Amino acid sequence: MSRQLEDKVAIITGGTSGIGAATAALFVEHGARVVIAGRSRHRGREVAELIGEGACYREVDVGCSDQIESLIRNAHAEFGRIDCLFNNAGLLGSGGGIGELTVEDFEETVNVNLRSVFLGMKFVAPIMKSQAFGSIINNASVAAYRFGYGTHFYSMAKAAVIHLTRTVAIEMGEHHVRVNSISPGFIATPMMLGDQPPEATVSAEAMSRLETQLAASTPIPRSGYPEDIAHAALYLASDQSSFVNGLDLVVDGGATRGQRWSEAAPVLTHKGARR
């Protein structure tokens, strides 16, 4: 197997579970040294130990500017380079009608899903500009494209992530630094259960029910898995995507394109009476 990230250094926020943990494992498998960042010290150390040599954990609250800055500065000081930053941390946030939501709901959801992306890019940009290489990947969502895939504030924040990705890509591209985003579809992670924190431990039975439920909404008849997004991130982090910049890569099994053909076919193939 070719190792696409040999000797590269990556930082992954929200790396203690789900998409982040799967991406960290795949990056290390492909030769990268990975800094896993997240709030759960126990889970972070557990994931890093499970992955083994090549992974380390750093406790970070992505909503805190000082901690993000220290994370990036220290990683650069330790490894001498940063090839990839995956701004992956996310939060579904509170649901409800616009009249029911609070200012605190807004601030919490935007803080984790959008502000953290801004902070990550802000602090890594000078390093990558100086290097004249690097890949920034921001985790967005299909909720940015269609109603019903996320709460008001989550959908809003993810749409902003995509547009911020595009505008920063134009700036950074002149310095040979690529900025792209990934919009996952229905991915089977604890966060999809709604009231579970991303690092929650969920029973195999609960995850199996979730996978069945998600599969029913996808033209490709299965749920998505964290590894599906990890492979997309691997492509965007590697030199194989060296001419890809400002892209939002949708990985959703076709969910945003419409309902399943088998459900729509009875109407779409019906030959009505001639007028």
C-alpha atoms as a PDB file:
ATOM      1  CA  MET A   1       0.000   0.000   0.000  1.00  0.00           C
ATOM      2  CA  SER A   2       1.318   3.446  -0.916  1.00  0.00           C
ATOM      3  CA  ARG A   3       1.582   5.792   2.071  1.00  0.00           C
ATOM      4  CA  GLN A   4       0.104   9.056   0.835  1.00  0.00           C
ATOM      5  CA  LEU A   5       1.056  11.169   3.862  1.00  0.00           C
ATOM      6  CA  GLU A   6       4.580   9.914   4.515  1.00  0.00           C
ATOM      7  CA  ASP A   7       6.373  12.244   6.977  1.00  0.00           C
ATOM      8  CA  LYS A   8       3.544  14.784   6.932  1.00  0.00           C
ATOM      9  CA  VAL A   9       2.182  16.399  10.103  1.00  0.00           C
ATOM     10  CA  ALA A  10      -1.556  16.825  10.678  1.00  0.00           C
ATOM     11  CA  ILE A  11      -3.712  18.366  13.388  1.00  0.00           C
ATOM     12  CA  ILE A  12      -7.268  17.092  13.774  1.00  0.00           C
ATOM     13  CA  THR A  13      -9.721  18.882  16.073  1.00  0.00           C
ATOM     14  CA  GLY A  14     -12.606  16.865  17.438  1.00  0.00           C
ATOM     15  CA  GLY A  15     -10.286  13.914  17.008  1.00  0.00           C
ATOM     16  CA  THR A  16     -11.384  11.884  20.023  1.00  0.00           C
ATOM     17  CA  SER A  17     -14.304  10.080  18.355  1.00  0.00           C
ATOM     18  CA  GLY A  18     -16.282   9.478  15.180  1.00  0.00           C
ATOM     19  CA  ILE A  19     -14.972  11.127  12.036  1.00  0.00           C
ATOM     20  CA  GLY A  20     -11.981  12.683  13.774  1.00  0.00           C
ATOM     21  CA  ALA A  21     -10.754   9.433  15.313  1.00  0.00           C
ATOM     22  CA  ALA A  22     -11.238   7.497  12.063  1.00  0.00           C
ATOM     23  CA  THR A  23      -9.325  10.169  10.153  1.00  0.00           C
ATOM     24  CA  ALA A  24      -6.486  10.177  12.673  1.00  0.00           C
ATOM     25  CA  ALA A  25      -6.116   6.395  12.356  1.00  0.00           C
ATOM     26  CA  LEU A  26      -6.136   6.520   8.550  1.00  0.00           C
ATOM     27  CA  PHE A  27      -3.632   9.389   8.416  1.00  0.00           C
ATOM     28  CA  VAL A  28      -1.208   7.514  10.675  1.00  0.00           C
ATOM     29  CA  GLU A  29      -1.668   4.382   8.566  1.00  0.00           C
ATOM     30  CA  HIS A  30      -0.544   6.472   5.602  1.00  0.00           C
ATOM     31  CA  GLY A  31       2.605   7.709   7.324  1.00  0.00           C
ATOM     32  CA  ALA A  32       1.512  10.956   9.004  1.00  0.00           C
ATOM     33  CA  ARG A  33       2.219  12.137  12.501  1.00  0.00           C
ATOM     34  CA  VAL A  34      -1.112  13.271  13.920  1.00  0.00           C
ATOM     35  CA  VAL A  35      -2.011  15.568  16.783  1.00  0.00           C
ATOM     36  CA  ILE A  36      -5.467  14.625  18.064  1.00  0.00           C
ATOM     37  CA  ALA A  37      -7.167  17.601  19.728  1.00  0.00           C
ATOM     38  CA  GLY A  38     -10.310  17.529  21.858  1.00  0.00           C
ATOM     39  CA  ARG A  39     -11.829  18.187  25.258  1.00  0.00           C
ATOM     40  CA  SER A  40     -12.176  14.608  26.494  1.00  0.00           C
ATOM     41  CA  ARG A  41      -8.815  13.762  28.030  1.00  0.00           C
ATOM     42  CA  HIS A  42      -9.778  10.159  28.739  1.00  0.00           C
ATOM     43  CA  ARG A  43     -11.087   9.506  25.224  1.00  0.00           C
ATOM     44  CA  GLY A  44      -8.232  11.379  23.585  1.00  0.00           C
ATOM     45  CA  ARG A  45      -5.546   9.395  25.341  1.00  0.00           C
ATOM     46  CA  GLU A  46      -7.434   6.183  24.664  1.00  0.00           C
ATOM     47  CA  VAL A  47      -7.698   6.919  20.925  1.00  0.00           C
ATOM     48  CA  ALA A  48      -4.038   7.940  20.662  1.00  0.00           C
ATOM     49  CA  GLU A  49      -2.933   4.771  22.475  1.00  0.00           C
ATOM     50  CA  LEU A  50      -5.154   2.628  20.260  1.00  0.00           C
ATOM     51  CA  ILE A  51      -3.731   4.170  17.088  1.00  0.00           C
ATOM     52  CA  GLY A  52      -0.215   3.793  18.435  1.00  0.00           C
ATOM     53  CA  GLU A  53       3.013   5.400  17.331  1.00  0.00           C
ATOM     54  CA  GLY A  54       2.404   8.430  15.161  1.00  0.00           C
ATOM     55  CA  ALA A  55      -0.525   9.801  17.170  1.00  0.00           C
ATOM     56  CA  CYS A  56      -0.557  12.036  20.222  1.00  0.00           C
ATOM     57  CA  TYR A  57      -3.341  13.754  22.131  1.00  0.00           C
ATOM     58  CA  ARG A  58      -3.629  17.380  23.208  1.00  0.00           C
ATOM     59  CA  GLU A  59      -6.457  18.615  25.411  1.00  0.00           C
ATOM     60  CA  VAL A  60      -8.079  21.605  23.715  1.00  0.00           C
ATOM     61  CA  ASP A  61     -11.357  23.509  23.894  1.00  0.00           C
ATOM     62  CA  VAL A  62     -11.864  24.638  20.296  1.00  0.00           C
ATOM     63  CA  GLY A  63     -13.983  27.547  21.448  1.00  0.00           C
ATOM     64  CA  CYS A  64     -11.016  29.087  23.246  1.00  0.00           C
ATOM     65  CA  SER A  65      -8.809  31.260  21.044  1.00  0.00           C
ATOM     66  CA  ASP A  66      -5.740  30.947  23.283  1.00  0.00           C
ATOM     67  CA  GLN A  67      -5.944  27.160  23.322  1.00  0.00           C
ATOM     68  CA  ILE A  68      -6.247  26.878  19.545  1.00  0.00           C
ATOM     69  CA  GLU A  69      -3.306  29.222  19.089  1.00  0.00           C
ATOM     70  CA  SER A  70      -1.202  27.219  21.559  1.00  0.00           C
ATOM     71  CA  LEU A  71      -2.183  23.925  19.910  1.00  0.00           C
ATOM     72  CA  ILE A  72      -0.966  25.085  16.520  1.00  0.00           C
ATOM     73  CA  ARG A  73       2.106  26.945  17.762  1.00  0.00           C
ATOM     74  CA  ASN A  74       3.253  24.015  19.901  1.00  0.00           C
ATOM     75  CA  ALA A  75       2.687  21.462  17.135  1.00  0.00           C
ATOM     76  CA  HIS A  76       4.766  23.566  14.785  1.00  0.00           C
ATOM     77  CA  ALA A  77       7.524  23.947  17.380  1.00  0.00           C
ATOM     78  CA  GLU A  78       7.565  20.199  18.040  1.00  0.00           C
ATOM     79  CA  PHE A  79       7.452  18.906  14.474  1.00  0.00           C
ATOM     80  CA  GLY A  80       8.862  21.838  12.495  1.00  0.00           C
ATOM     81  CA  ARG A  81       5.990  21.864  10.004  1.00  0.00           C
ATOM     82  CA  ILE A  82       2.217  21.546   9.688  1.00  0.00           C
ATOM     83  CA  ASP A  83       1.041  19.924   6.472  1.00  0.00           C
ATOM     84  CA  CYS A  84      -2.646  19.584   7.275  1.00  0.00           C
ATOM     85  CA  LEU A  85      -5.192  21.100   9.632  1.00  0.00           C
ATOM     86  CA  PHE A  86      -8.553  19.329   9.745  1.00  0.00           C
ATOM     87  CA  ASN A  87     -11.062  21.600  11.502  1.00  0.00           C
ATOM     88  CA  ASN A  88     -13.395  18.759  12.348  1.00  0.00           C
ATOM     89  CA  ALA A  89     -14.928  19.613  15.741  1.00  0.00           C
ATOM     90  CA  GLY A  90     -18.704  19.987  15.600  1.00  0.00           C
ATOM     91  CA  LEU A  91     -21.888  20.247  17.623  1.00  0.00           C
ATOM     92  CA  LEU A  92     -25.489  19.734  16.513  1.00  0.00           C
ATOM     93  CA  GLY A  93     -26.741  22.307  18.987  1.00  0.00           C
ATOM     94  CA  SER A  94     -30.234  22.947  20.279  1.00  0.00           C
ATOM     95  CA  GLY A  95     -33.226  22.430  18.026  1.00  0.00           C
ATOM     96  CA  GLY A  96     -36.567  24.181  17.945  1.00  0.00           C
ATOM     97  CA  GLY A  97     -38.392  27.007  16.235  1.00  0.00           C
ATOM     98  CA  ILE A  98     -36.696  30.353  15.852  1.00  0.00           C
ATOM     99  CA  GLY A  99     -38.898  31.902  18.532  1.00  0.00           C
ATOM    100  CA  GLU A 100     -37.895  29.234  21.045  1.00  0.00           C
ATOM    101  CA  LEU A 101     -34.143  29.358  20.556  1.00  0.00           C
ATOM    102  CA  THR A 102     -31.992  31.456  22.841  1.00  0.00           C
ATOM    103  CA  VAL A 103     -29.003  33.693  22.335  1.00  0.00           C
ATOM    104  CA  GLU A 104     -27.015  31.128  24.334  1.00  0.00           C
ATOM    105  CA  ASP A 105     -28.076  28.393  21.866  1.00  0.00           C
ATOM    106  CA  PHE A 106     -26.878  30.549  18.983  1.00  0.00           C
ATOM    107  CA  GLU A 107     -23.541  31.373  20.575  1.00  0.00           C
ATOM    108  CA  GLU A 108     -22.781  27.779  21.589  1.00  0.00           C
ATOM    109  CA  THR A 109     -23.516  26.345  18.143  1.00  0.00           C
ATOM    110  CA  VAL A 110     -21.674  29.060  16.238  1.00  0.00           C
ATOM    111  CA  ASN A 111     -18.734  28.949  18.651  1.00  0.00           C
ATOM    112  CA  VAL A 112     -17.999  25.267  18.007  1.00  0.00           C
ATOM    113  CA  ASN A 113     -19.034  24.930  14.363  1.00  0.00           C
ATOM    114  CA  LEU A 114     -17.879  28.216  12.840  1.00  0.00           C
ATOM    115  CA  ARG A 115     -15.720  30.255  15.197  1.00  0.00           C
ATOM    116  CA  SER A 116     -13.385  27.299  15.784  1.00  0.00           C
ATOM    117  CA  VAL A 117     -12.892  26.953  12.022  1.00  0.00           C
ATOM    118  CA  PHE A 118     -12.012  30.639  11.778  1.00  0.00           C
ATOM    119  CA  LEU A 119      -9.578  30.339  14.687  1.00  0.00           C
ATOM    120  CA  GLY A 120      -7.875  27.264  13.262  1.00  0.00           C
ATOM    121  CA  MET A 121      -7.366  28.920   9.886  1.00  0.00           C
ATOM    122  CA  LYS A 122      -6.301  32.217  11.467  1.00  0.00           C
ATOM    123  CA  PHE A 123      -3.477  30.679  13.477  1.00  0.00           C
ATOM    124  CA  VAL A 124      -2.246  28.129  10.939  1.00  0.00           C
ATOM    125  CA  ALA A 125      -2.287  30.527   7.986  1.00  0.00           C
ATOM    126  CA  PRO A 126       0.985  32.367   8.789  1.00  0.00           C
ATOM    127  CA  ILE A 127       2.798  29.055   9.261  1.00  0.00           C
ATOM    128  CA  MET A 128       1.538  27.560   6.012  1.00  0.00           C
ATOM    129  CA  LYS A 129       2.175  30.782   4.090  1.00  0.00           C
ATOM    130  CA  SER A 130       5.763  30.774   5.355  1.00  0.00           C
ATOM    131  CA  GLN A 131       6.160  27.101   4.383  1.00  0.00           C
ATOM    132  CA  ALA A 132       4.511  27.711   0.991  1.00  0.00           C
ATOM    133  CA  PHE A 133       2.628  24.439   1.366  1.00  0.00           C
ATOM    134  CA  GLY A 134      -0.244  22.969   3.338  1.00  0.00           C
ATOM    135  CA  SER A 135      -3.818  21.738   3.238  1.00  0.00           C
ATOM    136  CA  ILE A 136      -6.644  23.069   5.379  1.00  0.00           C
ATOM    137  CA  ILE A 137      -9.785  20.933   5.529  1.00  0.00           C
ATOM    138  CA  ASN A 138     -12.972  22.204   7.164  1.00  0.00           C
ATOM    139  CA  ASN A 139     -15.815  19.905   8.152  1.00  0.00           C
ATOM    140  CA  ALA A 140     -19.103  21.267   6.851  1.00  0.00           C
ATOM    141  CA  SER A 141     -22.363  19.348   6.340  1.00  0.00           C
ATOM    142  CA  VAL A 142     -25.142  18.558   3.884  1.00  0.00           C
ATOM    143  CA  ALA A 143     -27.275  20.564   6.311  1.00  0.00           C
ATOM    144  CA  ALA A 144     -25.826  23.597   4.529  1.00  0.00           C
ATOM    145  CA  TYR A 145     -27.664  22.536   1.352  1.00  0.00           C
ATOM    146  CA  ARG A 146     -31.099  21.291   2.373  1.00  0.00           C
ATOM    147  CA  PHE A 147     -33.676  21.923   5.072  1.00  0.00           C
ATOM    148  CA  GLY A 148     -34.293  19.100   7.521  1.00  0.00           C
ATOM    149  CA  TYR A 149     -30.707  17.897   7.844  1.00  0.00           C
ATOM    150  CA  GLY A 150     -29.828  19.993  10.892  1.00  0.00           C
ATOM    151  CA  THR A 151     -31.052  22.586  13.338  1.00  0.00           C
ATOM    152  CA  HIS A 152     -31.409  26.247  12.336  1.00  0.00           C
ATOM    153  CA  PHE A 153     -28.109  27.328  13.824  1.00  0.00           C
ATOM    154  CA  TYR A 154     -26.164  24.214  12.831  1.00  0.00           C
ATOM    155  CA  SER A 155     -27.282  24.558   9.211  1.00  0.00           C
ATOM    156  CA  MET A 156     -26.454  28.254   9.201  1.00  0.00           C
ATOM    157  CA  ALA A 157     -23.000  27.711  10.683  1.00  0.00           C
ATOM    158  CA  LYS A 158     -22.135  24.943   8.235  1.00  0.00           C
ATOM    159  CA  ALA A 159     -23.232  27.059   5.258  1.00  0.00           C
ATOM    160  CA  ALA A 160     -20.934  29.800   6.551  1.00  0.00           C
ATOM    161  CA  VAL A 161     -18.076  27.284   6.867  1.00  0.00           C
ATOM    162  CA  ILE A 162     -18.415  26.416   3.185  1.00  0.00           C
ATOM    163  CA  HIS A 163     -18.375  30.033   2.061  1.00  0.00           C
ATOM    164  CA  LEU A 164     -15.514  30.954   4.394  1.00  0.00           C
ATOM    165  CA  THR A 165     -13.610  27.996   2.963  1.00  0.00           C
ATOM    166  CA  ARG A 166     -14.082  29.337  -0.549  1.00  0.00           C
ATOM    167  CA  THR A 167     -12.985  32.882   0.223  1.00  0.00           C
ATOM    168  CA  VAL A 168      -9.935  31.838   2.268  1.00  0.00           C
ATOM    169  CA  ALA A 169      -8.989  29.392  -0.506  1.00  0.00           C
ATOM    170  CA  ILE A 170      -8.529  32.314  -2.871  1.00  0.00           C
ATOM    171  CA  GLU A 171      -6.229  34.098  -0.422  1.00  0.00           C
ATOM    172  CA  MET A 172      -4.184  31.066   0.540  1.00  0.00           C
ATOM    173  CA  GLY A 173      -3.944  29.596  -2.947  1.00  0.00           C
ATOM    174  CA  GLU A 174      -1.446  32.270  -3.941  1.00  0.00           C
ATOM    175  CA  HIS A 175       0.854  30.821  -1.282  1.00  0.00           C
ATOM    176  CA  HIS A 176       0.432  27.222  -2.537  1.00  0.00           C
ATOM    177  CA  VAL A 177      -1.852  26.399   0.406  1.00  0.00           C
ATOM    178  CA  ARG A 178      -5.115  24.644  -0.391  1.00  0.00           C
ATOM    179  CA  VAL A 179      -8.349  25.170   1.555  1.00  0.00           C
ATOM    180  CA  ASN A 180     -11.266  22.784   1.039  1.00  0.00           C
ATOM    181  CA  SER A 181     -14.251  21.483   2.957  1.00  0.00           C
ATOM    182  CA  ILE A 182     -16.113  18.193   3.270  1.00  0.00           C
ATOM    183  CA  SER A 183     -19.880  17.975   3.670  1.00  0.00           C
ATOM    184  CA  PRO A 184     -20.753  14.622   5.241  1.00  0.00           C
ATOM    185  CA  GLY A 185     -24.198  13.160   4.774  1.00  0.00           C
ATOM    186  CA  PHE A 186     -25.837  10.709   7.173  1.00  0.00           C
ATOM    187  CA  ILE A 187     -22.820   9.349   9.035  1.00  0.00           C
ATOM    188  CA  ALA A 188     -23.334   6.834  11.844  1.00  0.00           C
ATOM    189  CA  THR A 189     -21.686   8.529  14.831  1.00  0.00           C
ATOM    190  CA  PRO A 190     -22.907   9.045  18.418  1.00  0.00           C
ATOM    191  CA  MET A 191     -23.567  12.711  17.621  1.00  0.00           C
ATOM    192  CA  MET A 192     -26.303  11.649  15.179  1.00  0.00           C
ATOM    193  CA  LEU A 193     -28.307  10.312  18.107  1.00  0.00           C
ATOM    194  CA  GLY A 194     -29.014  13.916  19.046  1.00  0.00           C
ATOM    195  CA  ASP A 195     -28.610  14.104  22.793  1.00  0.00           C
ATOM    196  CA  GLN A 196     -25.255  12.328  22.844  1.00  0.00           C
ATOM    197  CA  PRO A 197     -21.944  14.210  23.018  1.00  0.00           C
ATOM    198  CA  PRO A 198     -19.545  13.280  20.190  1.00  0.00           C
ATOM    199  CA  GLU A 199     -17.311  11.262  22.524  1.00  0.00           C
ATOM    200  CA  ALA A 200     -20.191   9.290  24.081  1.00  0.00           C
ATOM    201  CA  THR A 201     -20.013   5.504  24.249  1.00  0.00           C
ATOM    202  CA  VAL A 202     -23.054   4.050  22.521  1.00  0.00           C
ATOM    203  CA  SER A 203     -24.156   0.417  22.511  1.00  0.00           C
ATOM    204  CA  ALA A 204     -23.744  -1.695  19.387  1.00  0.00           C
ATOM    205  CA  GLU A 205     -27.519  -2.196  19.333  1.00  0.00           C
ATOM    206  CA  ALA A 206     -28.182   1.545  19.334  1.00  0.00           C
ATOM    207  CA  MET A 207     -25.655   2.095  16.548  1.00  0.00           C
ATOM    208  CA  SER A 208     -27.200  -0.715  14.500  1.00  0.00           C
ATOM    209  CA  ARG A 209     -30.627   0.911  14.776  1.00  0.00           C
ATOM    210  CA  LEU A 210     -29.114   4.235  13.777  1.00  0.00           C
ATOM    211  CA  GLU A 211     -27.422   2.729  10.727  1.00  0.00           C
ATOM    212  CA  THR A 212     -30.726   1.186   9.588  1.00  0.00           C
ATOM    213  CA  GLN A 213     -32.519   4.487  10.042  1.00  0.00           C
ATOM    214  CA  LEU A 214     -29.889   6.466   8.147  1.00  0.00           C
ATOM    215  CA  ALA A 215     -29.737   3.932   5.317  1.00  0.00           C
ATOM    216  CA  ALA A 216     -33.436   4.497   4.630  1.00  0.00           C
ATOM    217  CA  SER A 217     -32.693   8.119   3.686  1.00  0.00           C
ATOM    218  CA  THR A 218     -29.847   7.453   1.262  1.00  0.00           C
ATOM    219  CA  PRO A 219     -29.976   6.466  -2.450  1.00  0.00           C
ATOM    220  CA  ILE A 220     -26.992   4.198  -1.829  1.00  0.00           C
ATOM    221  CA  PRO A 221     -28.808   1.900   0.617  1.00  0.00           C
ATOM    222  CA  ARG A 222     -26.511   2.111   3.615  1.00  0.00           C
ATOM    223  CA  SER A 223     -25.556   4.652   6.207  1.00  0.00           C
ATOM    224  CA  GLY A 224     -22.316   6.533   5.936  1.00  0.00           C
ATOM    225  CA  TYR A 225     -19.431   5.636   8.231  1.00  0.00           C
ATOM    226  CA  PRO A 226     -16.647   7.765   9.707  1.00  0.00           C
ATOM    227  CA  GLU A 227     -14.191   5.974   7.422  1.00  0.00           C
ATOM    228  CA  ASP A 228     -16.024   7.351   4.368  1.00  0.00           C
ATOM    229  CA  ILE A 229     -15.189  10.878   5.475  1.00  0.00           C
ATOM    230  CA  ALA A 230     -11.687   9.882   6.562  1.00  0.00           C
ATOM    231  CA  HIS A 231     -10.890   8.729   3.027  1.00  0.00           C
ATOM    232  CA  ALA A 232     -12.185  12.021   1.614  1.00  0.00           C
ATOM    233  CA  ALA A 233      -9.955  13.882   4.080  1.00  0.00           C
ATOM    234  CA  LEU A 234      -6.999  11.682   3.093  1.00  0.00           C
ATOM    235  CA  TYR A 235      -7.460  12.706  -0.532  1.00  0.00           C
ATOM    236  CA  LEU A 236      -7.651  16.412   0.327  1.00  0.00           C
ATOM    237  CA  ALA A 237      -4.652  16.195   2.667  1.00  0.00           C
ATOM    238  CA  SER A 238      -2.471  14.339   0.167  1.00  0.00           C
ATOM    239  CA  ASP A 239      -0.556  15.559  -2.862  1.00  0.00           C
ATOM    240  CA  GLN A 240      -3.079  13.731  -5.046  1.00  0.00           C
ATOM    241  CA  SER A 241      -5.354  16.771  -4.647  1.00  0.00           C
ATOM    242  CA  SER A 242      -2.593  19.319  -5.279  1.00  0.00           C
ATOM    243  CA  PHE A 243      -4.748  21.251  -7.795  1.00  0.00           C
ATOM    244  CA  VAL A 244      -7.969  21.114  -5.760  1.00  0.00           C
ATOM    245  CA  ASN A 245      -8.765  24.372  -3.975  1.00  0.00           C
ATOM    246  CA  GLY A 246     -12.004  25.958  -2.739  1.00  0.00           C
ATOM    247  CA  LEU A 247     -13.983  22.728  -3.137  1.00  0.00           C
ATOM    248  CA  ASP A 248     -16.765  21.485  -0.901  1.00  0.00           C
ATOM    249  CA  LEU A 249     -16.628  17.714  -1.314  1.00  0.00           C
ATOM    250  CA  VAL A 250     -20.072  16.266  -0.593  1.00  0.00           C
ATOM    251  CA  VAL A 251     -19.905  12.691   0.720  1.00  0.00           C
ATOM    252  CA  ASP A 252     -23.527  11.669   1.235  1.00  0.00           C
ATOM    253  CA  GLY A 253     -24.384   8.676  -0.945  1.00  0.00           C
ATOM    254  CA  GLY A 254     -26.511  10.967  -3.098  1.00  0.00           C
ATOM    255  CA  ALA A 255     -28.873  12.058  -0.306  1.00  0.00           C
ATOM    256  CA  THR A 256     -28.886  15.726  -1.279  1.00  0.00           C
ATOM    257  CA  ARG A 257     -29.812  14.881  -4.871  1.00  0.00           C
ATOM    258  CA  GLY A 258     -33.275  13.599  -4.047  1.00  0.00           C
ATOM    259  CA  GLN A 259     -35.313  10.663  -2.825  1.00  0.00           C
ATOM    260  CA  ARG A 260     -34.689   7.086  -3.846  1.00  0.00           C
ATOM    261  CA  TRP A 261     -35.682   6.121  -7.379  1.00  0.00           C
ATOM    262  CA  SER A 262     -37.753   3.195  -6.091  1.00  0.00           C
ATOM    263  CA  GLU A 263     -39.845   5.648  -4.066  1.00  0.00           C
ATOM    264  CA  ALA A 264     -40.205   8.212  -6.837  1.00  0.00           C
ATOM    265  CA  ALA A 265     -40.562   5.803  -9.774  1.00  0.00           C
ATOM    266  CA  PRO A 266     -44.302   5.054  -9.362  1.00  0.00           C
ATOM    267  CA  VAL A 267     -45.048   8.720  -9.971  1.00  0.00           C
ATOM    268  CA  LEU A 268     -42.286   9.514 -12.432  1.00  0.00           C
ATOM    269  CA  THR A 269     -42.985   6.510 -14.686  1.00  0.00           C
ATOM    270  CA  HIS A 270     -46.794   6.760 -14.580  1.00  0.00           C
ATOM    271  CA  LYS A 271     -48.367   7.313 -17.983  1.00  0.00           C
ATOM    272  CA  GLY A 272     -51.309   9.513 -17.302  1.00  0.00           C
ATOM    273  CA  ALA A 273     -54.422   9.675 -19.432  1.00  0.00           C
ATOM    274  CA  ARG A 274     -54.127  11.825 -22.519  1.00  0.00           C
ATOM    275  CA  ARG A 275     -55.900  15.153 -22.407  1.00  0.00           C
END
